Protein backbone atom coordinates (compact mmCIF):
# COMPACT_ATOMS: atom_id res chain seq x y z
CA MET A 1 20.66 -5.19 -34.04
CA ASN A 2 21.38 -2.36 -31.59
CA LYS A 3 23.92 -2.83 -28.84
CA CYS A 4 22.25 -2.62 -25.44
CA SER A 5 22.03 -4.58 -22.22
CA ALA A 6 18.48 -5.79 -22.91
CA ASN A 7 17.85 -8.83 -25.08
CA GLU A 8 16.22 -7.61 -28.29
CA THR A 9 14.91 -9.47 -31.28
CA ALA A 10 15.76 -8.10 -34.71
CA ALA A 11 12.24 -8.73 -35.99
CA CYS A 12 10.26 -6.38 -33.78
CA CYS A 13 12.70 -4.53 -31.50
CA CYS A 14 10.99 -6.12 -28.50
CA VAL A 15 12.62 -6.52 -25.12
CA ASP A 16 12.36 -9.70 -23.10
CA VAL A 17 10.06 -9.06 -20.12
CA GLY A 18 12.63 -10.68 -17.83
CA THR A 19 15.04 -7.80 -18.46
CA ILE A 20 12.47 -5.31 -17.13
CA MET A 21 10.66 -7.33 -14.45
CA ASP A 22 13.03 -9.61 -12.58
CA ASN A 23 10.99 -9.81 -9.32
CA THR A 24 13.61 -7.89 -7.34
CA ASP A 25 11.38 -4.84 -6.74
CA CYS A 26 8.20 -6.06 -5.04
CA THR A 27 7.72 -3.11 -2.67
CA ALA A 28 5.77 0.06 -3.39
CA SER A 29 6.08 2.96 -0.94
CA TRP A 30 3.73 5.84 -0.14
CA SER A 31 4.55 8.94 1.89
CA GLN A 32 2.36 11.99 2.40
CA LEU A 33 1.61 14.61 5.01
CA TYR A 34 -1.99 14.98 6.26
CA ASP A 35 -3.62 17.62 8.43
CA ASN A 36 -4.57 15.10 11.13
CA HIS A 37 -4.40 11.46 12.16
CA GLN A 38 -7.95 10.72 10.94
CA GLN A 39 -7.13 11.80 7.38
CA ALA A 40 -3.99 9.67 7.41
CA GLU A 41 -5.98 6.66 8.69
CA GLU A 42 -8.60 7.14 5.95
CA MET A 43 -5.90 7.21 3.27
CA LEU A 44 -4.28 4.10 4.72
CA LYS A 45 -7.63 2.32 4.47
CA GLN A 46 -8.04 3.39 0.82
CA LEU A 47 -4.52 2.28 -0.04
CA THR A 48 -4.99 -1.03 1.78
CA ASP A 49 -8.22 -1.68 -0.12
CA LYS A 50 -6.40 -1.06 -3.44
CA ALA A 51 -3.58 -3.39 -2.43
CA ARG A 52 -6.06 -6.12 -1.47
CA GLN A 53 -7.67 -5.86 -4.92
CA VAL A 54 -4.29 -6.50 -6.60
CA GLU A 55 -2.72 -9.15 -4.39
CA SER A 56 -2.67 -12.83 -5.31
CA GLU A 57 -1.07 -13.69 -1.97
CA PRO A 58 -1.37 -11.48 1.13
CA CYS A 59 0.46 -8.18 0.67
CA VAL A 60 2.62 -7.21 3.64
CA ILE A 61 1.68 -3.68 4.68
CA ASN A 62 3.97 -1.73 7.00
CA ALA A 63 2.44 1.62 7.97
CA ARG A 64 4.00 4.32 10.14
CA PHE A 65 2.41 7.53 11.42
CA ASN A 66 4.86 10.29 12.27
CA GLU A 67 3.66 13.38 14.11
CA GLN A 68 5.02 16.52 12.45
CA PRO A 69 4.53 20.20 13.33
CA ALA A 70 2.40 20.59 10.18
CA GLY A 71 0.33 17.41 10.68
CA VAL A 72 0.72 13.65 10.47
CA GLU A 73 3.01 12.01 7.95
CA LEU A 74 1.88 8.62 6.67
CA ASP A 75 4.66 6.33 5.43
CA VAL A 76 3.59 2.95 4.07
CA ASP A 77 5.42 0.09 2.38
CA PHE A 78 3.39 -2.46 0.42
CA THR A 79 5.31 -5.66 -0.31
CA PHE A 80 3.64 -7.86 -2.90
CA SER A 81 4.46 -11.45 -3.85
CA CYS A 82 5.61 -10.42 -7.34
CA GLN A 83 6.80 -7.34 -9.19
CA ALA A 84 3.84 -7.38 -11.61
CA GLU A 85 1.43 -6.82 -8.70
CA THR A 86 3.62 -3.98 -7.45
CA MET A 87 3.47 -2.29 -10.85
CA ILE A 88 -0.31 -2.79 -11.13
CA PHE A 89 -0.77 -1.25 -7.68
CA GLN A 90 1.44 1.73 -8.55
CA LEU A 91 -0.43 2.32 -11.79
CA ALA A 92 -3.77 2.15 -9.95
CA LEU A 93 -2.62 5.04 -7.74
CA ARG A 94 -2.16 7.37 -10.69
């Protein structure tokens, strides 16, 4: 068996899910610059809708709009109840 920090089984070289997903990272962040406040608001609505589709318990959404010389920067943190939901949400954004 290989030496590594993850728990592997000799039979299939699998890694225990607990070594990858330990529920310590339940927040996904989004940051992007938009031409105007309306575009930023529309994106926030789209992102919120995606988060609501994934959540098993209410996702805590913390959105900030920062006026910049080039437009409006949208910064959002989505905190889910578990890391699996966070990963599903992040994959849905790709």
